[in-house]
């Protein structure tokens, strides 16, 4: 099957208390659909876990307004290690998660009413799009950005993941992954400057090269109606050389641990990644035709970008629709086309109030 990248499935967020984290993200960001929850041993991630299997607890949470989900992830047999320094713009890896909103002004007022830590006010990026920055209780920075209307109307003010800001060492080398492999072929801007809309976040006054990437392709996979279009923003600071966000730590430690894409055609993707010089570091299909992820199943693989970011690819084989009666949707022989809206409405039974 020819490779097809369907959109951001989820952004991995390492935490120290998964129940606290899910409750916080449910209340503040509307991530209230618990798609699956699984406590097990991460046995296949050895290249990124000091060559040791790690016990973990994970929850995939979605927001029906659209966008990718959160994979909330906690080590359970090892004390999670925080970064030994304050992250700032220009450090290497995923620095900021971008969240959708259809009303940036309303979202800003909502975050302020909740007493969340805000970095300045509503500002415009170089494209003229309004956005603002806010911190969660774990000091992760989120950018709330004006996008299109919600897929499904909910009481949430924000939607799911629209993209990320990634600190890179060499923008040209990192573009091989984000442009040539992931297909973000539209450069909305590529500017070297100091930026007024970044000045209130840590390191935001540094002069940097800032590249916003989008894709011309229409996402067309099974989950594309909810995942929607996405973007990647690369930031390379010029004077500040940056630190590795996960230096001395492992995958799953607190912070943004990976960016995951829903895909079809894992074999074709493997060949393409190899040809570009970014071979799979983890590949579940080597040992498993399908990998059981608790209430869901599929194949997954990882690559590591030039700056160190872990990119996950998931080809879904099964998802729960109504868990109580054991109703699952299987994709083994399914053609690559969007699911009907009534299927997504069934996700509502997995909402945690």
C-alpha atoms as a PDB file:
ATOM      1  CA  UNK A   1       0.000   0.000   0.000  1.00  0.00           C
ATOM      2  CA  UNK A   2       1.306   3.429  -0.917  1.00  0.00           C
ATOM      3  CA  UNK A   3       2.300   5.605   2.026  1.00  0.00           C
ATOM      4  CA  UNK A   4      -0.310   8.108   3.178  1.00  0.00           C
ATOM      5  CA  UNK A   5       0.064  10.456   6.156  1.00  0.00           C
ATOM      6  CA  UNK A   6      -3.366  11.334   7.463  1.00  0.00           C
ATOM      7  CA  UNK A   7      -2.692  13.880  10.185  1.00  0.00           C
ATOM      8  CA  UNK A   8      -1.466  14.271  13.753  1.00  0.00           C
ATOM      9  CA  UNK A   9      -2.959  11.448  15.791  1.00  0.00           C
ATOM     10  CA  UNK A  10      -1.568  12.669  19.104  1.00  0.00           C
ATOM     11  CA  UNK A  11       1.130  14.591  20.919  1.00  0.00           C
ATOM     12  CA  UNK A  12       2.829  12.568  23.650  1.00  0.00           C
ATOM     13  CA  UNK A  13       2.967  14.300  27.034  1.00  0.00           C
ATOM     14  CA  UNK A  14       5.082  12.756  29.796  1.00  0.00           C
ATOM     15  CA  UNK A  15       3.706  13.412  33.297  1.00  0.00           C
ATOM     16  CA  UNK A  16       4.309  12.398  36.905  1.00  0.00           C
ATOM     17  CA  UNK A  17       0.676  11.691  37.839  1.00  0.00           C
ATOM     18  CA  UNK A  18      -1.507  10.440  34.994  1.00  0.00           C
ATOM     19  CA  UNK A  19      -4.855  10.720  36.773  1.00  0.00           C
ATOM     20  CA  UNK A  20      -4.122  14.304  37.808  1.00  0.00           C
ATOM     21  CA  UNK A  21      -2.964  15.110  34.271  1.00  0.00           C
ATOM     22  CA  UNK A  22      -6.029  13.627  32.546  1.00  0.00           C
ATOM     23  CA  UNK A  23      -8.345  15.499  34.943  1.00  0.00           C
ATOM     24  CA  UNK A  24      -6.475  18.771  34.313  1.00  0.00           C
ATOM     25  CA  UNK A  25      -6.418  18.458  30.533  1.00  0.00           C
ATOM     26  CA  UNK A  26     -10.074  17.391  30.529  1.00  0.00           C
ATOM     27  CA  UNK A  27     -11.144  20.451  32.532  1.00  0.00           C
ATOM     28  CA  UNK A  28      -8.898  23.092  30.976  1.00  0.00           C
ATOM     29  CA  UNK A  29      -8.427  21.931  27.366  1.00  0.00           C
ATOM     30  CA  UNK A  30     -11.528  19.817  26.787  1.00  0.00           C
ATOM     31  CA  UNK A  31      -9.601  16.576  26.215  1.00  0.00           C
ATOM     32  CA  UNK A  32     -12.459  14.496  27.587  1.00  0.00           C
ATOM     33  CA  UNK A  33     -12.769  11.508  25.212  1.00  0.00           C
ATOM     34  CA  UNK A  34     -10.790   8.640  26.758  1.00  0.00           C
ATOM     35  CA  UNK A  35     -10.063   6.672  23.600  1.00  0.00           C
ATOM     36  CA  UNK A  36      -8.002   4.066  25.382  1.00  0.00           C
ATOM     37  CA  UNK A  37      -6.222   3.491  28.664  1.00  0.00           C
ATOM     38  CA  UNK A  38      -3.478   0.922  29.037  1.00  0.00           C
ATOM     39  CA  UNK A  39      -1.054  -0.024  31.800  1.00  0.00           C
ATOM     40  CA  UNK A  40       1.671  -2.323  30.504  1.00  0.00           C
ATOM     41  CA  UNK A  41       5.387  -2.779  29.840  1.00  0.00           C
ATOM     42  CA  UNK A  42       6.938  -0.712  27.051  1.00  0.00           C
ATOM     43  CA  UNK A  43       9.154  -3.463  25.685  1.00  0.00           C
ATOM     44  CA  UNK A  44       9.815  -2.222  22.149  1.00  0.00           C
ATOM     45  CA  UNK A  45      11.125   1.280  22.960  1.00  0.00           C
ATOM     46  CA  UNK A  46      14.553   0.056  24.078  1.00  0.00           C
ATOM     47  CA  UNK A  47      16.590   2.466  21.891  1.00  0.00           C
ATOM     48  CA  UNK A  48      14.942   5.350  23.763  1.00  0.00           C
ATOM     49  CA  UNK A  49      14.653   3.866  27.277  1.00  0.00           C
ATOM     50  CA  UNK A  50      18.303   3.040  28.064  1.00  0.00           C
ATOM     51  CA  UNK A  51      17.843  -0.436  26.559  1.00  0.00           C
ATOM     52  CA  UNK A  52      15.473  -1.487  29.352  1.00  0.00           C
ATOM     53  CA  UNK A  53      11.750  -2.317  29.209  1.00  0.00           C
ATOM     54  CA  UNK A  54       9.786   0.275  31.187  1.00  0.00           C
ATOM     55  CA  UNK A  55       6.499  -0.105  33.013  1.00  0.00           C
ATOM     56  CA  UNK A  56       4.077   2.632  32.041  1.00  0.00           C
ATOM     57  CA  UNK A  57       0.503   3.865  32.159  1.00  0.00           C
ATOM     58  CA  UNK A  58      -0.958   5.675  29.127  1.00  0.00           C
ATOM     59  CA  UNK A  59      -4.237   7.393  28.239  1.00  0.00           C
ATOM     60  CA  UNK A  60      -5.167   8.631  24.769  1.00  0.00           C
ATOM     61  CA  UNK A  61      -7.484  11.630  25.173  1.00  0.00           C
ATOM     62  CA  UNK A  62      -9.307  13.374  22.312  1.00  0.00           C
ATOM     63  CA  UNK A  63     -11.315  16.555  21.839  1.00  0.00           C
ATOM     64  CA  UNK A  64     -14.282  16.342  19.468  1.00  0.00           C
ATOM     65  CA  UNK A  65     -13.783  19.909  18.250  1.00  0.00           C
ATOM     66  CA  UNK A  66     -11.054  18.425  16.071  1.00  0.00           C
ATOM     67  CA  UNK A  67      -7.289  18.102  15.981  1.00  0.00           C
ATOM     68  CA  UNK A  68      -4.932  15.480  17.360  1.00  0.00           C
ATOM     69  CA  UNK A  69      -5.191  14.004  20.832  1.00  0.00           C
ATOM     70  CA  UNK A  70      -2.907  13.824  23.853  1.00  0.00           C
ATOM     71  CA  UNK A  71      -1.145  10.581  24.729  1.00  0.00           C
ATOM     72  CA  UNK A  72      -0.694  11.178  28.440  1.00  0.00           C
ATOM     73  CA  UNK A  73       2.155   8.934  29.588  1.00  0.00           C
ATOM     74  CA  UNK A  74       3.641   8.090  32.987  1.00  0.00           C
ATOM     75  CA  UNK A  75       6.492   5.860  34.110  1.00  0.00           C
ATOM     76  CA  UNK A  76       5.172   3.593  36.889  1.00  0.00           C
ATOM     77  CA  UNK A  77       8.261   1.683  38.051  1.00  0.00           C
ATOM     78  CA  UNK A  78      10.790   4.493  37.734  1.00  0.00           C
ATOM     79  CA  UNK A  79      10.771   8.005  39.117  1.00  0.00           C
ATOM     80  CA  UNK A  80      10.254  10.395  36.186  1.00  0.00           C
ATOM     81  CA  UNK A  81      13.163  12.789  35.685  1.00  0.00           C
ATOM     82  CA  UNK A  82      12.539  16.448  34.950  1.00  0.00           C
ATOM     83  CA  UNK A  83      14.862  18.547  32.808  1.00  0.00           C
ATOM     84  CA  UNK A  84      17.611  20.065  34.919  1.00  0.00           C
ATOM     85  CA  UNK A  85      17.171  23.502  33.329  1.00  0.00           C
ATOM     86  CA  UNK A  86      14.392  25.838  32.228  1.00  0.00           C
ATOM     87  CA  UNK A  87      13.529  25.137  28.623  1.00  0.00           C
ATOM     88  CA  UNK A  88      13.678  28.100  26.286  1.00  0.00           C
ATOM     89  CA  UNK A  89      13.161  28.873  22.643  1.00  0.00           C
ATOM     90  CA  UNK A  90      16.026  27.340  20.683  1.00  0.00           C
ATOM     91  CA  UNK A  91      16.468  24.221  22.805  1.00  0.00           C
ATOM     92  CA  UNK A  92      16.283  21.087  20.690  1.00  0.00           C
ATOM     93  CA  UNK A  93      13.059  19.122  20.485  1.00  0.00           C
ATOM     94  CA  UNK A  94       9.334  19.776  20.898  1.00  0.00           C
ATOM     95  CA  UNK A  95       9.011  23.055  22.779  1.00  0.00           C
ATOM     96  CA  UNK A  96       5.371  24.068  22.380  1.00  0.00           C
ATOM     97  CA  UNK A  97       2.123  22.302  21.561  1.00  0.00           C
ATOM     98  CA  UNK A  98      -0.303  24.156  19.270  1.00  0.00           C
ATOM     99  CA  UNK A  99      -4.023  23.840  20.067  1.00  0.00           C
ATOM    100  CA  UNK A 100      -6.925  24.767  17.804  1.00  0.00           C
ATOM    101  CA  UNK A 101      -9.592  27.295  18.703  1.00  0.00           C
ATOM    102  CA  UNK A 102     -12.394  28.822  16.675  1.00  0.00           C
ATOM    103  CA  UNK A 103     -12.450  31.928  18.906  1.00  0.00           C
ATOM    104  CA  UNK A 104      -9.039  33.020  20.164  1.00  0.00           C
ATOM    105  CA  UNK A 105     -10.467  35.968  22.131  1.00  0.00           C
ATOM    106  CA  UNK A 106     -12.913  33.772  24.003  1.00  0.00           C
ATOM    107  CA  UNK A 107     -10.174  31.199  24.643  1.00  0.00           C
ATOM    108  CA  UNK A 108      -7.872  33.865  26.085  1.00  0.00           C
ATOM    109  CA  UNK A 109     -10.558  35.152  28.444  1.00  0.00           C
ATOM    110  CA  UNK A 110     -11.363  31.597  29.520  1.00  0.00           C
ATOM    111  CA  UNK A 111      -7.724  30.824  30.356  1.00  0.00           C
ATOM    112  CA  UNK A 112      -7.437  34.086  32.269  1.00  0.00           C
ATOM    113  CA  UNK A 113     -10.609  33.359  34.257  1.00  0.00           C
ATOM    114  CA  UNK A 114      -9.188  29.955  35.205  1.00  0.00           C
ATOM    115  CA  UNK A 115      -6.059  31.663  36.530  1.00  0.00           C
ATOM    116  CA  UNK A 116      -3.719  29.918  34.102  1.00  0.00           C
ATOM    117  CA  UNK A 117      -0.246  31.296  33.513  1.00  0.00           C
ATOM    118  CA  UNK A 118      -0.365  33.439  30.386  1.00  0.00           C
ATOM    119  CA  UNK A 119       2.645  34.752  28.452  1.00  0.00           C
ATOM    120  CA  UNK A 120       1.530  38.201  27.395  1.00  0.00           C
ATOM    121  CA  UNK A 121      -1.714  38.712  25.480  1.00  0.00           C
ATOM    122  CA  UNK A 122      -3.198  37.899  22.094  1.00  0.00           C
ATOM    123  CA  UNK A 123      -0.611  38.553  19.373  1.00  0.00           C
ATOM    124  CA  UNK A 124      -0.225  37.900  15.648  1.00  0.00           C
ATOM    125  CA  UNK A 125       2.325  35.603  14.054  1.00  0.00           C
ATOM    126  CA  UNK A 126       4.153  36.657  10.843  1.00  0.00           C
ATOM    127  CA  UNK A 127       1.178  35.389   8.795  1.00  0.00           C
ATOM    128  CA  UNK A 128      -1.205  37.637  10.730  1.00  0.00           C
ATOM    129  CA  UNK A 129      -2.924  34.768  12.585  1.00  0.00           C
ATOM    130  CA  UNK A 130      -3.932  35.547  16.173  1.00  0.00           C
ATOM    131  CA  UNK A 131      -2.590  33.357  18.949  1.00  0.00           C
ATOM    132  CA  UNK A 132      -1.406  33.398  22.566  1.00  0.00           C
ATOM    133  CA  UNK A 133       0.718  31.273  24.886  1.00  0.00           C
ATOM    134  CA  UNK A 134      -0.345  29.579  28.119  1.00  0.00           C
ATOM    135  CA  UNK A 135       1.286  27.125  30.526  1.00  0.00           C
ATOM    136  CA  UNK A 136      -0.182  23.976  32.053  1.00  0.00           C
ATOM    137  CA  UNK A 137       0.505  22.810  35.623  1.00  0.00           C
ATOM    138  CA  UNK A 138       3.662  21.006  34.450  1.00  0.00           C
ATOM    139  CA  UNK A 139       5.179  24.149  32.884  1.00  0.00           C
ATOM    140  CA  UNK A 140       4.584  22.872  29.343  1.00  0.00           C
ATOM    141  CA  UNK A 141       3.848  25.791  27.030  1.00  0.00           C
ATOM    142  CA  UNK A 142       0.827  25.664  24.721  1.00  0.00           C
ATOM    143  CA  UNK A 143       0.029  27.996  21.866  1.00  0.00           C
ATOM    144  CA  UNK A 144      -3.701  28.562  21.375  1.00  0.00           C
ATOM    145  CA  UNK A 145      -4.142  29.556  17.751  1.00  0.00           C
ATOM    146  CA  UNK A 146      -7.094  30.717  15.682  1.00  0.00           C
ATOM    147  CA  UNK A 147      -8.161  28.026  13.206  1.00  0.00           C
ATOM    148  CA  UNK A 148     -11.367  27.070  11.460  1.00  0.00           C
ATOM    149  CA  UNK A 149     -14.739  26.070  12.913  1.00  0.00           C
ATOM    150  CA  UNK A 150     -14.985  23.005  15.160  1.00  0.00           C
ATOM    151  CA  UNK A 151     -15.717  19.589  13.656  1.00  0.00           C
ATOM    152  CA  UNK A 152     -18.306  18.923  16.354  1.00  0.00           C
ATOM    153  CA  UNK A 153     -19.588  21.579  18.725  1.00  0.00           C
ATOM    154  CA  UNK A 154     -18.718  20.967  22.367  1.00  0.00           C
ATOM    155  CA  UNK A 155     -18.588  23.053  25.521  1.00  0.00           C
ATOM    156  CA  UNK A 156     -14.804  23.233  25.236  1.00  0.00           C
ATOM    157  CA  UNK A 157     -13.233  26.556  24.276  1.00  0.00           C
ATOM    158  CA  UNK A 158     -10.256  24.923  22.593  1.00  0.00           C
ATOM    159  CA  UNK A 159      -9.831  21.951  20.297  1.00  0.00           C
ATOM    160  CA  UNK A 160      -7.114  19.349  19.874  1.00  0.00           C
ATOM    161  CA  UNK A 161      -3.543  19.463  18.608  1.00  0.00           C
ATOM    162  CA  UNK A 162      -2.970  21.570  15.500  1.00  0.00           C
ATOM    163  CA  UNK A 163       0.829  21.285  15.434  1.00  0.00           C
ATOM    164  CA  UNK A 164       4.006  21.908  17.396  1.00  0.00           C
ATOM    165  CA  UNK A 165       6.936  24.283  17.669  1.00  0.00           C
ATOM    166  CA  UNK A 166      10.219  22.379  17.391  1.00  0.00           C
ATOM    167  CA  UNK A 167      13.617  23.765  18.309  1.00  0.00           C
ATOM    168  CA  UNK A 168      16.231  22.651  15.772  1.00  0.00           C
ATOM    169  CA  UNK A 169      20.016  22.756  15.479  1.00  0.00           C
ATOM    170  CA  UNK A 170      20.101  23.132  11.702  1.00  0.00           C
ATOM    171  CA  UNK A 171      16.846  23.992   9.986  1.00  0.00           C
ATOM    172  CA  UNK A 172      18.066  22.749   6.606  1.00  0.00           C
ATOM    173  CA  UNK A 173      18.857  19.268   7.924  1.00  0.00           C
ATOM    174  CA  UNK A 174      15.616  19.031   9.929  1.00  0.00           C
ATOM    175  CA  UNK A 175      13.572  19.969   6.858  1.00  0.00           C
ATOM    176  CA  UNK A 176      14.451  16.584   5.354  1.00  0.00           C
ATOM    177  CA  UNK A 177      12.076  14.970   7.848  1.00  0.00           C
ATOM    178  CA  UNK A 178       9.310  17.546   8.054  1.00  0.00           C
ATOM    179  CA  UNK A 179       9.183  18.591   4.405  1.00  0.00           C
ATOM    180  CA  UNK A 180      10.480  15.588   2.458  1.00  0.00           C
ATOM    181  CA  UNK A 181       9.151  12.716   4.599  1.00  0.00           C
ATOM    182  CA  UNK A 182       6.084  14.134   6.343  1.00  0.00           C
ATOM    183  CA  UNK A 183       5.059  16.186   3.321  1.00  0.00           C
ATOM    184  CA  UNK A 184       4.841  19.695   4.779  1.00  0.00           C
ATOM    185  CA  UNK A 185       5.522  21.226   1.394  1.00  0.00           C
ATOM    186  CA  UNK A 186       4.145  24.744   1.896  1.00  0.00           C
ATOM    187  CA  UNK A 187       6.460  27.291   3.503  1.00  0.00           C
ATOM    188  CA  UNK A 188       4.095  29.913   4.898  1.00  0.00           C
ATOM    189  CA  UNK A 189       7.044  31.932   6.162  1.00  0.00           C
ATOM    190  CA  UNK A 190      10.797  31.550   6.581  1.00  0.00           C
ATOM    191  CA  UNK A 191      12.134  34.614   8.394  1.00  0.00           C
ATOM    192  CA  UNK A 192      15.258  35.500  10.375  1.00  0.00           C
ATOM    193  CA  UNK A 193      14.474  38.155  12.989  1.00  0.00           C
ATOM    194  CA  UNK A 194      13.489  38.753  16.588  1.00  0.00           C
ATOM    195  CA  UNK A 195       9.719  38.409  16.860  1.00  0.00           C
ATOM    196  CA  UNK A 196       7.347  40.539  18.911  1.00  0.00           C
ATOM    197  CA  UNK A 197       4.816  37.716  19.277  1.00  0.00           C
ATOM    198  CA  UNK A 198       7.435  35.462  20.936  1.00  0.00           C
ATOM    199  CA  UNK A 199       9.011  37.988  23.313  1.00  0.00           C
ATOM    200  CA  UNK A 200       7.074  36.904  26.434  1.00  0.00           C
ATOM    201  CA  UNK A 201       7.972  33.202  26.346  1.00  0.00           C
ATOM    202  CA  UNK A 202      11.330  31.944  27.718  1.00  0.00           C
ATOM    203  CA  UNK A 203      14.072  32.718  25.185  1.00  0.00           C
ATOM    204  CA  UNK A 204      11.594  34.519  22.962  1.00  0.00           C
ATOM    205  CA  UNK A 205      13.736  37.620  22.543  1.00  0.00           C
ATOM    206  CA  UNK A 206      16.494  35.637  20.831  1.00  0.00           C
ATOM    207  CA  UNK A 207      17.097  36.260  17.139  1.00  0.00           C
ATOM    208  CA  UNK A 208      16.048  33.145  15.289  1.00  0.00           C
ATOM    209  CA  UNK A 209      15.153  31.571  11.985  1.00  0.00           C
ATOM    210  CA  UNK A 210      11.469  30.735  12.107  1.00  0.00           C
ATOM    211  CA  UNK A 211       9.825  28.476   9.522  1.00  0.00           C
ATOM    212  CA  UNK A 212       6.106  27.666   9.439  1.00  0.00           C
ATOM    213  CA  UNK A 213       5.302  24.579   7.357  1.00  0.00           C
ATOM    214  CA  UNK A 214       1.897  23.441   6.137  1.00  0.00           C
ATOM    215  CA  UNK A 215       0.781  20.796   3.635  1.00  0.00           C
ATOM    216  CA  UNK A 216      -0.943  21.114   0.284  1.00  0.00           C
ATOM    217  CA  UNK A 217      -2.372  17.597   0.396  1.00  0.00           C
ATOM    218  CA  UNK A 218      -5.918  17.021   1.570  1.00  0.00           C
ATOM    219  CA  UNK A 219      -5.879  14.618   4.505  1.00  0.00           C
ATOM    220  CA  UNK A 220      -8.000  11.651   3.519  1.00  0.00           C
ATOM    221  CA  UNK A 221      -7.530   8.824   6.024  1.00  0.00           C
ATOM    222  CA  UNK A 222     -10.175   7.182   8.185  1.00  0.00           C
ATOM    223  CA  UNK A 223      -9.795   9.741  10.990  1.00  0.00           C
ATOM    224  CA  UNK A 224      -9.122  12.783   8.800  1.00  0.00           C
ATOM    225  CA  UNK A 225     -12.501  14.454   9.485  1.00  0.00           C
ATOM    226  CA  UNK A 226     -11.483  14.892  13.125  1.00  0.00           C
ATOM    227  CA  UNK A 227      -7.686  15.160  12.815  1.00  0.00           C
ATOM    228  CA  UNK A 228      -7.853  17.840  10.106  1.00  0.00           C
ATOM    229  CA  UNK A 229      -4.921  19.801   8.647  1.00  0.00           C
ATOM    230  CA  UNK A 230      -1.854  20.560  10.747  1.00  0.00           C
ATOM    231  CA  UNK A 231       1.396  22.502  10.761  1.00  0.00           C
ATOM    232  CA  UNK A 232       4.988  22.348  11.987  1.00  0.00           C
ATOM    233  CA  UNK A 233       6.956  25.394  13.118  1.00  0.00           C
ATOM    234  CA  UNK A 234      10.745  25.117  13.255  1.00  0.00           C
ATOM    235  CA  UNK A 235      12.826  27.568  15.300  1.00  0.00           C
ATOM    236  CA  UNK A 236      16.603  27.819  15.122  1.00  0.00           C
ATOM    237  CA  UNK A 237      18.139  30.466  17.370  1.00  0.00           C
ATOM    238  CA  UNK A 238      21.282  32.088  16.016  1.00  0.00           C
ATOM    239  CA  UNK A 239      23.282  33.262  19.048  1.00  0.00           C
ATOM    240  CA  UNK A 240      21.917  30.757  21.560  1.00  0.00           C
ATOM    241  CA  UNK A 241      23.098  27.277  20.581  1.00  0.00           C
ATOM    242  CA  UNK A 242      20.425  25.401  22.509  1.00  0.00           C
ATOM    243  CA  UNK A 243      20.355  22.313  24.720  1.00  0.00           C
ATOM    244  CA  UNK A 244      18.933  18.855  24.147  1.00  0.00           C
ATOM    245  CA  UNK A 245      15.536  18.807  25.885  1.00  0.00           C
ATOM    246  CA  UNK A 246      15.947  15.129  26.814  1.00  0.00           C
ATOM    247  CA  UNK A 247      19.680  15.139  27.475  1.00  0.00           C
ATOM    248  CA  UNK A 248      20.320  12.702  30.339  1.00  0.00           C
ATOM    249  CA  UNK A 249      16.665  11.607  30.348  1.00  0.00           C
ATOM    250  CA  UNK A 250      14.597   9.002  28.517  1.00  0.00           C
ATOM    251  CA  UNK A 251      11.402   8.801  26.481  1.00  0.00           C
ATOM    252  CA  UNK A 252       8.404   9.162  28.767  1.00  0.00           C
ATOM    253  CA  UNK A 253      10.038  11.581  31.187  1.00  0.00           C
ATOM    254  CA  UNK A 254       8.065  14.821  31.754  1.00  0.00           C
ATOM    255  CA  UNK A 255       7.556  17.068  28.747  1.00  0.00           C
ATOM    256  CA  UNK A 256       6.572  16.623  25.113  1.00  0.00           C
ATOM    257  CA  UNK A 257       7.898  13.148  24.368  1.00  0.00           C
ATOM    258  CA  UNK A 258       6.906  12.565  20.725  1.00  0.00           C
ATOM    259  CA  UNK A 259       4.701  13.670  17.851  1.00  0.00           C
ATOM    260  CA  UNK A 260       2.535  10.887  16.389  1.00  0.00           C
ATOM    261  CA  UNK A 261       1.017  10.658  12.906  1.00  0.00           C
ATOM    262  CA  UNK A 262      -1.843   8.462  11.739  1.00  0.00           C
ATOM    263  CA  UNK A 263      -0.662   6.739   8.565  1.00  0.00           C
ATOM    264  CA  UNK A 264      -1.396   4.049   6.024  1.00  0.00           C
ATOM    265  CA  UNK A 265       1.269   2.065   4.194  1.00  0.00           C
ATOM    266  CA  UNK A 266       3.865   1.322   6.868  1.00  0.00           C
ATOM    267  CA  UNK A 267       6.059  -0.746   4.517  1.00  0.00           C
ATOM    268  CA  UNK A 268       6.258   2.060   1.970  1.00  0.00           C
ATOM    269  CA  UNK A 269       6.956   4.578   4.740  1.00  0.00           C
ATOM    270  CA  UNK A 270       9.799   2.396   6.053  1.00  0.00           C
ATOM    271  CA  UNK A 271      11.451   2.410   2.617  1.00  0.00           C
ATOM    272  CA  UNK A 272      11.015   6.154   2.227  1.00  0.00           C
ATOM    273  CA  UNK A 273      12.461   6.892   5.672  1.00  0.00           C
ATOM    274  CA  UNK A 274      15.458   4.666   4.975  1.00  0.00           C
ATOM    275  CA  UNK A 275      16.107   6.379   1.657  1.00  0.00           C
ATOM    276  CA  UNK A 276      16.137   9.790   3.346  1.00  0.00           C
ATOM    277  CA  UNK A 277      18.583   8.634   6.029  1.00  0.00           C
ATOM    278  CA  UNK A 278      16.125   8.332   8.924  1.00  0.00           C
ATOM    279  CA  UNK A 279      15.584   4.592   9.460  1.00  0.00           C
ATOM    280  CA  UNK A 280      13.028   3.319  11.958  1.00  0.00           C
ATOM    281  CA  UNK A 281      14.539   3.161  15.447  1.00  0.00           C
ATOM    282  CA  UNK A 282      11.503   1.180  16.667  1.00  0.00           C
ATOM    283  CA  UNK A 283       9.307  -1.018  14.478  1.00  0.00           C
ATOM    284  CA  UNK A 284       6.537  -3.083  16.084  1.00  0.00           C
ATOM    285  CA  UNK A 285       5.881  -5.048  12.879  1.00  0.00           C
ATOM    286  CA  UNK A 286       9.228  -6.847  13.224  1.00  0.00           C
ATOM    287  CA  UNK A 287       7.791  -8.948  16.066  1.00  0.00           C
ATOM    288  CA  UNK A 288       4.029  -8.391  15.786  1.00  0.00           C
ATOM    289  CA  UNK A 289       1.607  -8.393  12.852  1.00  0.00           C
ATOM    290  CA  UNK A 290      -0.565  -6.212  15.045  1.00  0.00           C
ATOM    291  CA  UNK A 291       0.357  -4.742  18.400  1.00  0.00           C
ATOM    292  CA  UNK A 292      -2.206  -4.780  21.215  1.00  0.00           C
ATOM    293  CA  UNK A 293      -2.540  -1.361  22.861  1.00  0.00           C
ATOM    294  CA  UNK A 294      -5.149  -2.315  25.441  1.00  0.00           C
ATOM    295  CA  UNK A 295      -8.481  -1.402  23.836  1.00  0.00           C
ATOM    296  CA  UNK A 296      -6.919  -0.558  20.464  1.00  0.00           C
ATOM    297  CA  UNK A 297      -4.475  -2.306  18.151  1.00  0.00           C
ATOM    298  CA  UNK A 298      -2.206  -1.479  15.250  1.00  0.00           C
ATOM    299  CA  UNK A 299       1.383  -1.182  14.071  1.00  0.00           C
ATOM    300  CA  UNK A 300       3.698   1.592  15.192  1.00  0.00           C
ATOM    301  CA  UNK A 301       7.193   2.806  14.401  1.00  0.00           C
ATOM    302  CA  UNK A 302       9.508   5.675  15.352  1.00  0.00           C
ATOM    303  CA  UNK A 303      12.172   7.748  13.707  1.00  0.00           C
ATOM    304  CA  UNK A 304      14.415  10.360  15.307  1.00  0.00           C
ATOM    305  CA  UNK A 305      14.833  13.680  13.534  1.00  0.00           C
ATOM    306  CA  UNK A 306      18.144  15.503  13.196  1.00  0.00           C
ATOM    307  CA  UNK A 307      17.527  17.645  16.290  1.00  0.00           C
ATOM    308  CA  UNK A 308      16.445  14.610  18.361  1.00  0.00           C
ATOM    309  CA  UNK A 309      12.657  14.805  18.110  1.00  0.00           C
ATOM    310  CA  UNK A 310      10.919  11.428  18.168  1.00  0.00           C
ATOM    311  CA  UNK A 311       8.282  11.036  15.457  1.00  0.00           C
ATOM    312  CA  UNK A 312       5.845   8.145  15.825  1.00  0.00           C
ATOM    313  CA  UNK A 313       3.768   6.576  13.056  1.00  0.00           C
ATOM    314  CA  UNK A 314       0.671   4.511  13.817  1.00  0.00           C
ATOM    315  CA  UNK A 315      -1.277   2.371  11.354  1.00  0.00           C
ATOM    316  CA  UNK A 316      -4.534   1.581  13.129  1.00  0.00           C
ATOM    317  CA  UNK A 317      -6.040  -1.900  12.941  1.00  0.00           C
ATOM    318  CA  UNK A 318      -8.755  -1.683  15.612  1.00  0.00           C
ATOM    319  CA  UNK A 319     -10.399   0.941  17.824  1.00  0.00           C
ATOM    320  CA  UNK A 320     -13.205   0.718  20.395  1.00  0.00           C
ATOM    321  CA  UNK A 321     -16.576   2.250  19.527  1.00  0.00           C
ATOM    322  CA  UNK A 322     -18.749   1.133  22.433  1.00  0.00           C
ATOM    323  CA  UNK A 323     -16.581  -0.678  24.965  1.00  0.00           C
ATOM    324  CA  UNK A 324     -19.410  -1.890  27.212  1.00  0.00           C
ATOM    325  CA  UNK A 325     -20.840  -4.131  24.496  1.00  0.00           C
ATOM    326  CA  UNK A 326     -17.500  -4.997  22.908  1.00  0.00           C
ATOM    327  CA  UNK A 327     -18.149  -3.097  19.675  1.00  0.00           C
ATOM    328  CA  UNK A 328     -14.894  -2.421  17.836  1.00  0.00           C
ATOM    329  CA  UNK A 329     -14.109  -1.033  14.408  1.00  0.00           C
ATOM    330  CA  UNK A 330     -11.608  -3.108  12.422  1.00  0.00           C
ATOM    331  CA  UNK A 331      -9.477  -1.615   9.645  1.00  0.00           C
ATOM    332  CA  UNK A 332      -7.612  -4.685   8.354  1.00  0.00           C
ATOM    333  CA  UNK A 333      -9.348  -4.713   4.979  1.00  0.00           C
ATOM    334  CA  UNK A 334     -10.725  -1.183   4.953  1.00  0.00           C
ATOM    335  CA  UNK A 335     -10.126   1.154   2.043  1.00  0.00           C
ATOM    336  CA  UNK A 336      -8.421   4.434   2.876  1.00  0.00           C
ATOM    337  CA  UNK A 337     -11.296   6.859   3.101  1.00  0.00           C
ATOM    338  CA  UNK A 338     -12.812   9.034   5.828  1.00  0.00           C
ATOM    339  CA  UNK A 339     -15.159   7.443   8.334  1.00  0.00           C
ATOM    340  CA  UNK A 340     -18.731   8.783   8.324  1.00  0.00           C
ATOM    341  CA  UNK A 341     -19.624  11.412  10.912  1.00  0.00           C
ATOM    342  CA  UNK A 342     -21.979   9.076  12.792  1.00  0.00           C
ATOM    343  CA  UNK A 343     -18.992   6.924  13.766  1.00  0.00           C
ATOM    344  CA  UNK A 344     -17.264   9.905  15.380  1.00  0.00           C
ATOM    345  CA  UNK A 345     -20.445  10.785  17.235  1.00  0.00           C
ATOM    346  CA  UNK A 346     -20.179   7.378  18.928  1.00  0.00           C
ATOM    347  CA  UNK A 347     -16.912   8.549  20.476  1.00  0.00           C
ATOM    348  CA  UNK A 348     -19.142  10.660  22.705  1.00  0.00           C
ATOM    349  CA  UNK A 349     -19.991   7.598  24.814  1.00  0.00           C
ATOM    350  CA  UNK A 350     -16.313   7.592  25.863  1.00  0.00           C
ATOM    351  CA  UNK A 351     -16.532  11.160  27.181  1.00  0.00           C
ATOM    352  CA  UNK A 352     -15.493  11.519  30.809  1.00  0.00           C
ATOM    353  CA  UNK A 353     -17.507  14.247  32.504  1.00  0.00           C
END
